[in-house]
Amino acid sequence: MISYVGIDFAGLQHMHYPATTSIMRLPCSSMIRPEWIILALKNGFDGVFVAADGTDCPYLRDCTDRTAKRIDDALKLAEKEGIEPQRIKMAAICSVCGEPFANHMHNFYRELKELGPVKR
């Protein structure tokens, strides 16, 4: 939820990031499931970036740790499925982190472009 405010802030400030970016809003970033990430990669997404709520999460004190564990599980699952783990990223995005979010998206987009499409 906190990350979404930061992502929304990027839009309000007219910060540009790749138009192909899709945003999925969750109440807490630790709700993401590794299986969802792999499903997205198998069904047309070239990468998944998880914006963690960090220490500002109103639901869980250990939100970032829980989210990091889920990302770690997704990375292991990606390797098992033959998907490059570089296609999965996570960073803490706070409520005023519009510019860092936009920068992360530009960098991730460049990395994904170098990787090319997911081999299905």
PDB file of N, CA and C in Angstrom:
ATOM      1  N   MET A   1       0.811  -1.186   0.000  1.00  0.00           N
ATOM      2  CA  MET A   1       0.000   0.000   0.000  1.00  0.00           C
ATOM      3  C   MET A   1       0.865   1.265   0.000  1.00  0.00           C
ATOM      4  N   ILE A   2       1.913   1.273   0.827  1.00  0.00           N
ATOM      5  CA  ILE A   2       2.807   2.424   0.901  1.00  0.00           C
ATOM      6  C   ILE A   2       3.527   2.606  -0.437  1.00  0.00           C
ATOM      7  N   SER A   3       3.975   1.516  -1.025  1.00  0.00           N
ATOM      8  CA  SER A   3       4.667   1.589  -2.312  1.00  0.00           C
ATOM      9  C   SER A   3       3.771   2.190  -3.381  1.00  0.00           C
ATOM     10  N   TYR A   4       2.497   1.826  -3.346  1.00  0.00           N
ATOM     11  CA  TYR A   4       1.571   2.332  -4.359  1.00  0.00           C
ATOM     12  C   TYR A   4       1.491   3.850  -4.310  1.00  0.00           C
ATOM     13  N   VAL A   5       1.535   4.407  -3.114  1.00  0.00           N
ATOM     14  CA  VAL A   5       1.494   5.868  -2.968  1.00  0.00           C
ATOM     15  C   VAL A   5       2.726   6.477  -3.640  1.00  0.00           C
ATOM     16  N   GLY A   6       3.891   5.853  -3.451  1.00  0.00           N
ATOM     17  CA  GLY A   6       5.106   6.329  -4.106  1.00  0.00           C
ATOM     18  C   GLY A   6       5.037   6.212  -5.621  1.00  0.00           C
ATOM     19  N   ILE A   7       4.453   5.111  -6.098  1.00  0.00           N
ATOM     20  CA  ILE A   7       4.291   4.908  -7.540  1.00  0.00           C
ATOM     21  C   ILE A   7       3.314   5.937  -8.106  1.00  0.00           C
ATOM     22  N   ASP A   8       2.229   6.166  -7.389  1.00  0.00           N
ATOM     23  CA  ASP A   8       1.252   7.173  -7.799  1.00  0.00           C
ATOM     24  C   ASP A   8       1.886   8.561  -7.811  1.00  0.00           C
ATOM     25  N   PHE A   9       2.749   8.812  -6.846  1.00  0.00           N
ATOM     26  CA  PHE A   9       3.449  10.096  -6.762  1.00  0.00           C
ATOM     27  C   PHE A   9       4.278  10.344  -8.023  1.00  0.00           C
ATOM     28  N   ALA A  10       4.887   9.270  -8.553  1.00  0.00           N
ATOM     29  CA  ALA A  10       5.660   9.401  -9.796  1.00  0.00           C
ATOM     30  C   ALA A  10       4.765   9.908 -10.923  1.00  0.00           C
ATOM     31  N   GLY A  11       3.552   9.380 -10.989  1.00  0.00           N
ATOM     32  CA  GLY A  11       2.609   9.837 -12.010  1.00  0.00           C
ATOM     33  C   GLY A  11       2.156  11.265 -11.778  1.00  0.00           C
ATOM     34  N   LEU A  12       1.879  11.610 -10.535  1.00  0.00           N
ATOM     35  CA  LEU A  12       1.443  12.973 -10.214  1.00  0.00           C
ATOM     36  C   LEU A  12       2.517  14.005 -10.533  1.00  0.00           C
ATOM     37  N   GLN A  13       3.767  13.586 -10.409  1.00  0.00           N
ATOM     38  CA  GLN A  13       4.886  14.483 -10.705  1.00  0.00           C
ATOM     39  C   GLN A  13       5.298  14.420 -12.188  1.00  0.00           C
ATOM     40  N   HIS A  14       4.527  13.706 -12.989  1.00  0.00           N
ATOM     41  CA  HIS A  14       4.775  13.544 -14.432  1.00  0.00           C
ATOM     42  C   HIS A  14       6.160  12.972 -14.719  1.00  0.00           C
ATOM     43  N   MET A  15       6.594  12.071 -13.839  1.00  0.00           N
ATOM     44  CA  MET A  15       7.860  11.373 -14.075  1.00  0.00           C
ATOM     45  C   MET A  15       7.582  10.244 -15.054  1.00  0.00           C
ATOM     46  N   HIS A  16       8.438  10.132 -16.029  1.00  0.00           N
ATOM     47  CA  HIS A  16       8.209   9.131 -17.060  1.00  0.00           C
ATOM     48  C   HIS A  16       8.943   7.840 -16.743  1.00  0.00           C
ATOM     49  N   TYR A  17       8.266   6.744 -17.011  1.00  0.00           N
ATOM     50  CA  TYR A  17       8.863   5.417 -16.948  1.00  0.00           C
ATOM     51  C   TYR A  17       8.223   4.628 -18.074  1.00  0.00           C
ATOM     52  N   PRO A  18       8.788   3.483 -18.450  1.00  0.00           N
ATOM     53  CA  PRO A  18       8.294   2.760 -19.630  1.00  0.00           C
ATOM     54  C   PRO A  18       6.776   2.545 -19.623  1.00  0.00           C
ATOM     55  N   ALA A  19       6.165   2.855 -20.738  1.00  0.00           N
ATOM     56  CA  ALA A  19       4.706   2.743 -20.874  1.00  0.00           C
ATOM     57  C   ALA A  19       4.223   1.300 -20.781  1.00  0.00           C
ATOM     58  N   THR A  20       5.108   0.365 -20.952  1.00  0.00           N
ATOM     59  CA  THR A  20       4.725  -1.052 -20.880  1.00  0.00           C
ATOM     60  C   THR A  20       4.642  -1.554 -19.435  1.00  0.00           C
ATOM     61  N   THR A  21       4.900  -0.688 -18.481  1.00  0.00           N
ATOM     62  CA  THR A  21       4.833  -1.054 -17.065  1.00  0.00           C
ATOM     63  C   THR A  21       3.375  -1.226 -16.651  1.00  0.00           C
ATOM     64  N   SER A  22       3.075  -2.356 -16.037  1.00  0.00           N
ATOM     65  CA  SER A  22       1.738  -2.614 -15.488  1.00  0.00           C
ATOM     66  C   SER A  22       1.856  -2.623 -13.973  1.00  0.00           C
ATOM     67  N   ILE A  23       0.914  -1.984 -13.311  1.00  0.00           N
ATOM     68  CA  ILE A  23       0.932  -1.897 -11.851  1.00  0.00           C
ATOM     69  C   ILE A  23      -0.184  -2.780 -11.289  1.00  0.00           C
ATOM     70  N   MET A  24       0.187  -3.625 -10.341  1.00  0.00           N
ATOM     71  CA  MET A  24      -0.803  -4.443  -9.635  1.00  0.00           C
ATOM     72  C   MET A  24      -0.743  -4.029  -8.170  1.00  0.00           C
ATOM     73  N   ARG A  25      -1.837  -3.550  -7.653  1.00  0.00           N
ATOM     74  CA  ARG A  25      -1.875  -3.035  -6.290  1.00  0.00           C
ATOM     75  C   ARG A  25      -2.291  -4.133  -5.306  1.00  0.00           C
ATOM     76  N   LEU A  26      -1.509  -4.276  -4.237  1.00  0.00           N
ATOM     77  CA  LEU A  26      -1.810  -5.213  -3.159  1.00  0.00           C
ATOM     78  C   LEU A  26      -1.833  -4.433  -1.844  1.00  0.00           C
ATOM     79  N   PRO A  27      -2.622  -4.866  -0.866  1.00  0.00           N
ATOM     80  CA  PRO A  27      -2.624  -4.167   0.420  1.00  0.00           C
ATOM     81  C   PRO A  27      -1.244  -4.166   1.087  1.00  0.00           C
ATOM     82  N   CYS A  28      -0.468  -5.223   0.873  1.00  0.00           N
ATOM     83  CA  CYS A  28       0.866  -5.334   1.460  1.00  0.00           C
ATOM     84  C   CYS A  28       1.731  -6.108   0.474  1.00  0.00           C
ATOM     85  N   SER A  29       2.953  -5.638   0.245  1.00  0.00           N
ATOM     86  CA  SER A  29       3.818  -6.301  -0.736  1.00  0.00           C
ATOM     87  C   SER A  29       4.127  -7.747  -0.359  1.00  0.00           C
ATOM     88  N   SER A  30       4.037  -8.080   0.927  1.00  0.00           N
ATOM     89  CA  SER A  30       4.327  -9.458   1.334  1.00  0.00           C
ATOM     90  C   SER A  30       3.226 -10.433   0.915  1.00  0.00           C
ATOM     91  N   MET A  31       2.157  -9.907   0.319  1.00  0.00           N
ATOM     92  CA  MET A  31       1.070 -10.771  -0.163  1.00  0.00           C
ATOM     93  C   MET A  31       1.391 -11.404  -1.521  1.00  0.00           C
ATOM     94  N   ILE A  32       2.433 -10.905  -2.193  1.00  0.00           N
ATOM     95  CA  ILE A  32       2.796 -11.465  -3.495  1.00  0.00           C
ATOM     96  C   ILE A  32       3.205 -12.922  -3.308  1.00  0.00           C
ATOM     97  N   ARG A  33       2.844 -13.747  -4.250  1.00  0.00           N
ATOM     98  CA  ARG A  33       3.169 -15.168  -4.177  1.00  0.00           C
ATOM     99  C   ARG A  33       4.163 -15.513  -5.281  1.00  0.00           C
ATOM    100  N   PRO A  34       5.171 -16.314  -4.965  1.00  0.00           N
ATOM    101  CA  PRO A  34       6.151 -16.703  -5.981  1.00  0.00           C
ATOM    102  C   PRO A  34       5.495 -17.304  -7.224  1.00  0.00           C
ATOM    103  N   GLU A  35       4.431 -18.084  -7.017  1.00  0.00           N
ATOM    104  CA  GLU A  35       3.738 -18.715  -8.147  1.00  0.00           C
ATOM    105  C   GLU A  35       3.132 -17.670  -9.083  1.00  0.00           C
ATOM    106  N   TRP A  36       2.669 -16.544  -8.536  1.00  0.00           N
ATOM    107  CA  TRP A  36       2.095 -15.485  -9.370  1.00  0.00           C
ATOM    108  C   TRP A  36       3.175 -14.881 -10.250  1.00  0.00           C
ATOM    109  N   ILE A  37       4.353 -14.699  -9.675  1.00  0.00           N
ATOM    110  CA  ILE A  37       5.467 -14.116 -10.432  1.00  0.00           C
ATOM    111  C   ILE A  37       5.830 -15.026 -11.604  1.00  0.00           C
ATOM    112  N   ILE A  38       5.953 -16.307 -11.342  1.00  0.00           N
ATOM    113  CA  ILE A  38       6.295 -17.262 -12.399  1.00  0.00           C
ATOM    114  C   ILE A  38       5.177 -17.328 -13.439  1.00  0.00           C
ATOM    115  N   LEU A  39       3.940 -17.305 -12.997  1.00  0.00           N
ATOM    116  CA  LEU A  39       2.802 -17.315 -13.918  1.00  0.00           C
ATOM    117  C   LEU A  39       2.854 -16.099 -14.848  1.00  0.00           C
ATOM    118  N   ALA A  40       3.168 -14.936 -14.297  1.00  0.00           N
ATOM    119  CA  ALA A  40       3.280 -13.725 -15.120  1.00  0.00           C
ATOM    120  C   ALA A  40       4.383 -13.884 -16.162  1.00  0.00           C
ATOM    121  N   LEU A  41       5.529 -14.409 -15.748  1.00  0.00           N
ATOM    122  CA  LEU A  41       6.655 -14.590 -16.673  1.00  0.00           C
ATOM    123  C   LEU A  41       6.363 -15.622 -17.751  1.00  0.00           C
ATOM    124  N   LYS A  42       5.574 -16.618 -17.427  1.00  0.00           N
ATOM    125  CA  LYS A  42       5.207 -17.643 -18.412  1.00  0.00           C
ATOM    126  C   LYS A  42       4.100 -17.184 -19.351  1.00  0.00           C
ATOM    127  N   ASN A  43       3.420 -16.095 -18.979  1.00  0.00           N
ATOM    128  CA  ASN A  43       2.264 -15.669 -19.766  1.00  0.00           C
ATOM    129  C   ASN A  43       2.404 -14.268 -20.349  1.00  0.00           C
ATOM    130  N   GLY A  44       3.626 -13.909 -20.738  1.00  0.00           N
ATOM    131  CA  GLY A  44       3.789 -12.687 -21.511  1.00  0.00           C
ATOM    132  C   GLY A  44       4.550 -11.546 -20.866  1.00  0.00           C
ATOM    133  N   PHE A  45       4.767 -11.577 -19.556  1.00  0.00           N
ATOM    134  CA  PHE A  45       5.543 -10.513 -18.923  1.00  0.00           C
ATOM    135  C   PHE A  45       7.025 -10.848 -19.052  1.00  0.00           C
ATOM    136  N   ASP A  46       7.837  -9.847 -19.362  1.00  0.00           N
ATOM    137  CA  ASP A  46       9.279 -10.068 -19.490  1.00  0.00           C
ATOM    138  C   ASP A  46       9.984  -9.954 -18.152  1.00  0.00           C
ATOM    139  N   GLY A  47       9.352  -9.333 -17.175  1.00  0.00           N
ATOM    140  CA  GLY A  47       9.949  -9.187 -15.862  1.00  0.00           C
ATOM    141  C   GLY A  47       8.898  -8.809 -14.838  1.00  0.00           C
ATOM    142  N   VAL A  48       9.235  -9.013 -13.568  1.00  0.00           N
ATOM    143  CA  VAL A  48       8.352  -8.633 -12.469  1.00  0.00           C
ATOM    144  C   VAL A  48       9.187  -7.866 -11.450  1.00  0.00           C
ATOM    145  N   PHE A  49       8.769  -6.646 -11.180  1.00  0.00           N
ATOM    146  CA  PHE A  49       9.407  -5.804 -10.173  1.00  0.00           C
ATOM    147  C   PHE A  49       8.437  -5.668  -9.014  1.00  0.00           C
ATOM    148  N   VAL A  50       8.894  -6.017  -7.824  1.00  0.00           N
ATOM    149  CA  VAL A  50       8.051  -5.911  -6.637  1.00  0.00           C
ATOM    150  C   VAL A  50       8.524  -4.719  -5.820  1.00  0.00           C
ATOM    151  N   ALA A  51       7.632  -3.763  -5.650  1.00  0.00           N
ATOM    152  CA  ALA A  51       7.917  -2.582  -4.831  1.00  0.00           C
ATOM    153  C   ALA A  51       7.515  -2.908  -3.400  1.00  0.00           C
ATOM    154  N   ALA A  52       8.502  -3.145  -2.555  1.00  0.00           N
ATOM    155  CA  ALA A  52       8.236  -3.522  -1.166  1.00  0.00           C
ATOM    156  C   ALA A  52       7.847  -2.290  -0.350  1.00  0.00           C
ATOM    157  N   ASP A  53       6.957  -2.492   0.603  1.00  0.00           N
ATOM    158  CA  ASP A  53       6.476  -1.390   1.438  1.00  0.00           C
ATOM    159  C   ASP A  53       7.504  -0.907   2.451  1.00  0.00           C
ATOM    160  N   GLY A  54       8.468  -1.703   2.768  1.00  0.00           N
ATOM    161  CA  GLY A  54       9.504  -1.296   3.713  1.00  0.00           C
ATOM    162  C   GLY A  54       8.982  -1.185   5.133  1.00  0.00           C
ATOM    163  N   THR A  55       9.643  -0.381   5.931  1.00  0.00           N
ATOM    164  CA  THR A  55       9.299  -0.267   7.353  1.00  0.00           C
ATOM    165  C   THR A  55       8.036   0.551   7.600  1.00  0.00           C
ATOM    166  N   ASP A  56       7.507   1.189   6.573  1.00  0.00           N
ATOM    167  CA  ASP A  56       6.295   1.998   6.728  1.00  0.00           C
ATOM    168  C   ASP A  56       5.013   1.195   6.580  1.00  0.00           C
ATOM    169  N   CYS A  57       5.118  -0.105   6.353  1.00  0.00           N
ATOM    170  CA  CYS A  57       3.935  -0.944   6.142  1.00  0.00           C
ATOM    171  C   CYS A  57       3.016  -0.873   7.362  1.00  0.00           C
ATOM    172  N   PRO A  58       1.747  -0.531   7.154  1.00  0.00           N
ATOM    173  CA  PRO A  58       0.823  -0.439   8.291  1.00  0.00           C
ATOM    174  C   PRO A  58       0.332  -1.803   8.791  1.00  0.00           C
ATOM    175  N   TYR A  59       0.632  -2.862   8.071  1.00  0.00           N
ATOM    176  CA  TYR A  59       0.121  -4.183   8.419  1.00  0.00           C
ATOM    177  C   TYR A  59       1.130  -5.054   9.167  1.00  0.00           C
ATOM    178  N   LEU A  60       2.375  -5.030   8.720  1.00  0.00           N
ATOM    179  CA  LEU A  60       3.378  -5.942   9.276  1.00  0.00           C
ATOM    180  C   LEU A  60       4.699  -5.228   9.542  1.00  0.00           C
ATOM    181  N   ARG A  61       5.269  -5.468  10.692  1.00  0.00           N
ATOM    182  CA  ARG A  61       6.576  -4.878  11.011  1.00  0.00           C
ATOM    183  C   ARG A  61       7.682  -5.469  10.150  1.00  0.00           C
ATOM    184  N   ASP A  62       7.537  -6.750   9.830  1.00  0.00           N
ATOM    185  CA  ASP A  62       8.571  -7.430   9.060  1.00  0.00           C
ATOM    186  C   ASP A  62       8.186  -7.590   7.591  1.00  0.00           C
ATOM    187  N   CYS A  63       7.444  -6.643   7.083  1.00  0.00           N
ATOM    188  CA  CYS A  63       6.954  -6.694   5.703  1.00  0.00           C
ATOM    189  C   CYS A  63       8.090  -6.904   4.699  1.00  0.00           C
ATOM    190  N   THR A  64       9.152  -6.114   4.803  1.00  0.00           N
ATOM    191  CA  THR A  64      10.246  -6.223   3.837  1.00  0.00           C
ATOM    192  C   THR A  64      10.912  -7.591   3.914  1.00  0.00           C
ATOM    193  N   ASP A  65      11.081  -8.104   5.125  1.00  0.00           N
ATOM    194  CA  ASP A  65      11.687  -9.432   5.274  1.00  0.00           C
ATOM    195  C   ASP A  65      10.803 -10.514   4.657  1.00  0.00           C
ATOM    196  N   ARG A  66       9.506 -10.413   4.894  1.00  0.00           N
ATOM    197  CA  ARG A  66       8.575 -11.394   4.320  1.00  0.00           C
ATOM    198  C   ARG A  66       8.557 -11.304   2.798  1.00  0.00           C
ATOM    199  N   THR A  67       8.541 -10.067   2.299  1.00  0.00           N
ATOM    200  CA  THR A  67       8.544  -9.875   0.850  1.00  0.00           C
ATOM    201  C   THR A  67       9.834 -10.417   0.252  1.00  0.00           C
ATOM    202  N   ALA A  68      10.957 -10.141   0.894  1.00  0.00           N
ATOM    203  CA  ALA A  68      12.252 -10.630   0.406  1.00  0.00           C
ATOM    204  C   ALA A  68      12.278 -12.157   0.375  1.00  0.00           C
ATOM    205  N   LYS A  69      11.686 -12.791   1.351  1.00  0.00           N
ATOM    206  CA  LYS A  69      11.617 -14.261   1.378  1.00  0.00           C
ATOM    207  C   LYS A  69      10.813 -14.775   0.188  1.00  0.00           C
ATOM    208  N   ARG A  70       9.704 -14.108  -0.108  1.00  0.00           N
ATOM    209  CA  ARG A  70       8.870 -14.525  -1.252  1.00  0.00           C
ATOM    210  C   ARG A  70       9.626 -14.322  -2.575  1.00  0.00           C
ATOM    211  N   ILE A  71      10.380 -13.234  -2.662  1.00  0.00           N
ATOM    212  CA  ILE A  71      11.164 -12.984  -3.873  1.00  0.00           C
ATOM    213  C   ILE A  71      12.257 -14.041  -4.005  1.00  0.00           C
ATOM    214  N   ASP A  72      12.906 -14.369  -2.898  1.00  0.00           N
ATOM    215  CA  ASP A  72      13.918 -15.420  -2.911  1.00  0.00           C
ATOM    216  C   ASP A  72      13.313 -16.742  -3.387  1.00  0.00           C
ATOM    217  N   ASP A  73      12.127 -17.062  -2.885  1.00  0.00           N
ATOM    218  CA  ASP A  73      11.436 -18.281  -3.331  1.00  0.00           C
ATOM    219  C   ASP A  73      11.115 -18.214  -4.828  1.00  0.00           C
ATOM    220  N   ALA A  74      10.712 -17.029  -5.301  1.00  0.00           N
ATOM    221  CA  ALA A  74      10.401 -16.856  -6.730  1.00  0.00           C
ATOM    222  C   ALA A  74      11.656 -17.017  -7.582  1.00  0.00           C
ATOM    223  N   LEU A  75      12.795 -16.517  -7.097  1.00  0.00           N
ATOM    224  CA  LEU A  75      14.053 -16.660  -7.828  1.00  0.00           C
ATOM    225  C   LEU A  75      14.432 -18.137  -7.966  1.00  0.00           C
ATOM    226  N   LYS A  76      14.275 -18.894  -6.898  1.00  0.00           N
ATOM    227  CA  LYS A  76      14.574 -20.329  -6.934  1.00  0.00           C
ATOM    228  C   LYS A  76      13.628 -21.057  -7.887  1.00  0.00           C
ATOM    229  N   LEU A  77      12.360 -20.685  -7.829  1.00  0.00           N
ATOM    230  CA  LEU A  77      11.365 -21.293  -8.701  1.00  0.00           C
ATOM    231  C   LEU A  77      11.642 -20.947 -10.166  1.00  0.00           C
ATOM    232  N   ALA A  78      12.062 -19.706 -10.414  1.00  0.00           N
ATOM    233  CA  ALA A  78      12.386 -19.281 -11.787  1.00  0.00           C
ATOM    234  C   ALA A  78      13.526 -20.133 -12.344  1.00  0.00           C
ATOM    235  N   GLU A  79      14.569 -20.306 -11.562  1.00  0.00           N
ATOM    236  CA  GLU A  79      15.702 -21.136 -12.025  1.00  0.00           C
ATOM    237  C   GLU A  79      15.252 -22.562 -12.312  1.00  0.00           C
ATOM    238  N   LYS A  80      14.415 -23.084 -11.435  1.00  0.00           N
ATOM    239  CA  LYS A  80      13.891 -24.442 -11.616  1.00  0.00           C
ATOM    240  C   LYS A  80      13.081 -24.554 -12.913  1.00  0.00           C
ATOM    241  N   GLU A  81      12.398 -23.462 -13.273  1.00  0.00           N
ATOM    242  CA  GLU A  81      11.557 -23.436 -14.479  1.00  0.00           C
ATOM    243  C   GLU A  81      12.344 -23.033 -15.732  1.00  0.00           C
ATOM    244  N   GLY A  82      13.643 -22.749 -15.578  1.00  0.00           N
ATOM    245  CA  GLY A  82      14.459 -22.358 -16.724  1.00  0.00           C
ATOM    246  C   GLY A  82      14.288 -20.894 -17.115  1.00  0.00           C
ATOM    247  N   ILE A  83      13.865 -20.070 -16.183  1.00  0.00           N
ATOM    248  CA  ILE A  83      13.664 -18.625 -16.416  1.00  0.00           C
ATOM    249  C   ILE A  83      14.791 -17.869 -15.733  1.00  0.00           C
ATOM    250  N   GLU A  84      15.382 -16.909 -16.436  1.00  0.00           N
ATOM    251  CA  GLU A  84      16.482 -16.137 -15.867  1.00  0.00           C
ATOM    252  C   GLU A  84      16.015 -15.405 -14.605  1.00  0.00           C
ATOM    253  N   PRO A  85      16.718 -15.573 -13.490  1.00  0.00           N
ATOM    254  CA  PRO A  85      16.313 -14.902 -12.249  1.00  0.00           C
ATOM    255  C   PRO A  85      16.438 -13.372 -12.314  1.00  0.00           C
ATOM    256  N   GLN A  86      17.213 -12.863 -13.264  1.00  0.00           N
ATOM    257  CA  GLN A  86      17.352 -11.400 -13.419  1.00  0.00           C
ATOM    258  C   GLN A  86      16.035 -10.737 -13.807  1.00  0.00           C
ATOM    259  N   ARG A  87      15.058 -11.526 -14.180  1.00  0.00           N
ATOM    260  CA  ARG A  87      13.752 -10.997 -14.574  1.00  0.00           C
ATOM    261  C   ARG A  87      12.890 -10.635 -13.365  1.00  0.00           C
ATOM    262  N   ILE A  88      13.393 -10.899 -12.178  1.00  0.00           N
ATOM    263  CA  ILE A  88      12.639 -10.632 -10.953  1.00  0.00           C
ATOM    264  C   ILE A  88      13.463  -9.675 -10.093  1.00  0.00           C
ATOM    265  N   LYS A  89      12.872  -8.567  -9.717  1.00  0.00           N
ATOM    266  CA  LYS A  89      13.552  -7.553  -8.893  1.00  0.00           C
ATOM    267  C   LYS A  89      12.636  -7.106  -7.772  1.00  0.00           C
ATOM    268  N   MET A  90      13.268  -6.604  -6.723  1.00  0.00           N
ATOM    269  CA  MET A  90      12.537  -6.042  -5.594  1.00  0.00           C
ATOM    270  C   MET A  90      13.314  -4.851  -5.058  1.00  0.00           C
ATOM    271  N   ALA A  91      12.594  -3.815  -4.662  1.00  0.00           N
ATOM    272  CA  ALA A  91      13.193  -2.674  -3.976  1.00  0.00           C
ATOM    273  C   ALA A  91      12.129  -2.042  -3.091  1.00  0.00           C
ATOM    274  N   ALA A  92      12.559  -1.456  -1.997  1.00  0.00           N
ATOM    275  CA  ALA A  92      11.627  -0.741  -1.122  1.00  0.00           C
ATOM    276  C   ALA A  92      11.309   0.607  -1.765  1.00  0.00           C
ATOM    277  N   ILE A  93      10.037   0.896  -1.875  1.00  0.00           N
ATOM    278  CA  ILE A  93       9.572   2.173  -2.434  1.00  0.00           C
ATOM    279  C   ILE A  93       8.673   2.814  -1.382  1.00  0.00           C
ATOM    280  N   CYS A  94       9.076   3.954  -0.872  1.00  0.00           N
ATOM    281  CA  CYS A  94       8.278   4.619   0.163  1.00  0.00           C
ATOM    282  C   CYS A  94       7.236   5.536  -0.474  1.00  0.00           C
ATOM    283  N   SER A  95       6.462   6.193   0.351  1.00  0.00           N
ATOM    284  CA  SER A  95       5.346   7.000  -0.139  1.00  0.00           C
ATOM    285  C   SER A  95       5.773   8.239  -0.923  1.00  0.00           C
ATOM    286  N   VAL A  96       7.023   8.657  -0.810  1.00  0.00           N
ATOM    287  CA  VAL A  96       7.493   9.820  -1.564  1.00  0.00           C
ATOM    288  C   VAL A  96       8.624   9.449  -2.530  1.00  0.00           C
ATOM    289  N   CYS A  97       8.711   8.181  -2.876  1.00  0.00           N
ATOM    290  CA  CYS A  97       9.804   7.672  -3.717  1.00  0.00           C
ATOM    291  C   CYS A  97       9.434   7.611  -5.195  1.00  0.00           C
ATOM    292  N   GLY A  98       8.794   8.626  -5.704  1.00  0.00           N
ATOM    293  CA  GLY A  98       8.415   8.634  -7.112  1.00  0.00           C
ATOM    294  C   GLY A  98       9.611   8.557  -8.037  1.00  0.00           C
ATOM    295  N   GLU A  99      10.613   9.380  -7.787  1.00  0.00           N
ATOM    296  CA  GLU A  99      11.791   9.399  -8.646  1.00  0.00           C
ATOM    297  C   GLU A  99      12.587   8.089  -8.569  1.00  0.00           C
ATOM    298  N   PRO A 100      12.838   7.546  -7.360  1.00  0.00           N
ATOM    299  CA  PRO A 100      13.507   6.246  -7.320  1.00  0.00           C
ATOM    300  C   PRO A 100      12.717   5.158  -8.056  1.00  0.00           C
ATOM    301  N   PHE A 101      11.392   5.174  -7.940  1.00  0.00           N
ATOM    302  CA  PHE A 101      10.589   4.185  -8.656  1.00  0.00           C
ATOM    303  C   PHE A 101      10.798   4.313 -10.159  1.00  0.00           C
ATOM    304  N   ALA A 102      10.697   5.529 -10.678  1.00  0.00           N
ATOM    305  CA  ALA A 102      10.887   5.751 -12.114  1.00  0.00           C
ATOM    306  C   ALA A 102      12.279   5.295 -12.552  1.00  0.00           C
ATOM    307  N   ASN A 103      13.294   5.580 -11.742  1.00  0.00           N
ATOM    308  CA  ASN A 103      14.658   5.142 -12.066  1.00  0.00           C
ATOM    309  C   ASN A 103      14.763   3.622 -12.085  1.00  0.00           C
ATOM    310  N   HIS A 104      14.157   2.973 -11.094  1.00  0.00           N
ATOM    311  CA  HIS A 104      14.162   1.506 -11.076  1.00  0.00           C
ATOM    312  C   HIS A 104      13.515   0.950 -12.346  1.00  0.00           C
ATOM    313  N   MET A 105      12.418   1.538 -12.763  1.00  0.00           N
ATOM    314  CA  MET A 105      11.709   1.041 -13.957  1.00  0.00           C
ATOM    315  C   MET A 105      12.547   1.219 -15.207  1.00  0.00           C
ATOM    316  N   HIS A 106      13.225   2.361 -15.335  1.00  0.00           N
ATOM    317  CA  HIS A 106      14.086   2.577 -16.507  1.00  0.00           C
ATOM    318  C   HIS A 106      15.239   1.563 -16.527  1.00  0.00           C
ATOM    319  N   ASN A 107      15.874   1.364 -15.383  1.00  0.00           N
ATOM    320  CA  ASN A 107      16.990   0.411 -15.312  1.00  0.00           C
ATOM    321  C   ASN A 107      16.532  -1.017 -15.583  1.00  0.00           C
ATOM    322  N   PHE A 108      15.417  -1.390 -14.987  1.00  0.00           N
ATOM    323  CA  PHE A 108      14.880  -2.738 -15.181  1.00  0.00           C
ATOM    324  C   PHE A 108      14.488  -2.953 -16.635  1.00  0.00           C
ATOM    325  N   TYR A 109      13.893  -1.952 -17.245  1.00  0.00           N
ATOM    326  CA  TYR A 109      13.501  -2.027 -18.658  1.00  0.00           C
ATOM    327  C   TYR A 109      14.733  -2.287 -19.532  1.00  0.00           C
ATOM    328  N   ARG A 110      15.819  -1.567 -19.262  1.00  0.00           N
ATOM    329  CA  ARG A 110      17.056  -1.769 -20.041  1.00  0.00           C
ATOM    330  C   ARG A 110      17.588  -3.194 -19.859  1.00  0.00           C
ATOM    331  N   GLU A 111      17.574  -3.683 -18.630  1.00  0.00           N
ATOM    332  CA  GLU A 111      18.054  -5.041 -18.369  1.00  0.00           C
ATOM    333  C   GLU A 111      17.197  -6.073 -19.098  1.00  0.00           C
ATOM    334  N   LEU A 112      15.882  -5.880 -19.057  1.00  0.00           N
ATOM    335  CA  LEU A 112      14.977  -6.822 -19.718  1.00  0.00           C
ATOM    336  C   LEU A 112      15.136  -6.788 -21.227  1.00  0.00           C
ATOM    337  N   LYS A 113      15.376  -5.599 -21.753  1.00  0.00           N
ATOM    338  CA  LYS A 113      15.585  -5.461 -23.196  1.00  0.00           C
ATOM    339  C   LYS A 113      16.821  -6.249 -23.637  1.00  0.00           C
ATOM    340  N   GLU A 114      17.869  -6.214 -22.807  1.00  0.00           N
ATOM    341  CA  GLU A 114      19.078  -6.983 -23.117  1.00  0.00           C
ATOM    342  C   GLU A 114      18.826  -8.485 -23.052  1.00  0.00           C
ATOM    343  N   LEU A 115      17.982  -8.917 -22.110  1.00  0.00           N
ATOM    344  CA  LEU A 115      17.659 -10.337 -21.965  1.00  0.00           C
ATOM    345  C   LEU A 115      16.794 -10.842 -23.109  1.00  0.00           C
ATOM    346  N   GLY A 116      15.971  -9.969 -23.651  1.00  0.00           N
ATOM    347  CA  GLY A 116      15.026 -10.371 -24.686  1.00  0.00           C
ATOM    348  C   GLY A 116      13.814 -11.042 -24.059  1.00  0.00           C
ATOM    349  N   PRO A 117      12.918 -11.567 -24.886  1.00  0.00           N
ATOM    350  CA  PRO A 117      11.703 -12.202 -24.369  1.00  0.00           C
ATOM    351  C   PRO A 117      12.012 -13.465 -23.546  1.00  0.00           C
ATOM    352  N   VAL A 118      11.091 -13.799 -22.664  1.00  0.00           N
ATOM    353  CA  VAL A 118      11.210 -15.039 -21.897  1.00  0.00           C
ATOM    354  C   VAL A 118      11.097 -16.200 -22.871  1.00  0.00           C
ATOM    355  N   LYS A 119      12.008 -17.153 -22.735  1.00  0.00           N
ATOM    356  CA  LYS A 119      11.932 -18.346 -23.588  1.00  0.00           C
ATOM    357  C   LYS A 119      10.880 -19.283 -23.010  1.00  0.00           C
ATOM    358  N   ARG A 120       9.800 -19.462 -23.745  1.00  0.00           N
ATOM    359  CA  ARG A 120       8.680 -20.279 -23.257  1.00  0.00           C
ATOM    360  C   ARG A 120       8.685 -21.629 -23.893  1.00  0.00           C
TER     361      ARG A 120
END
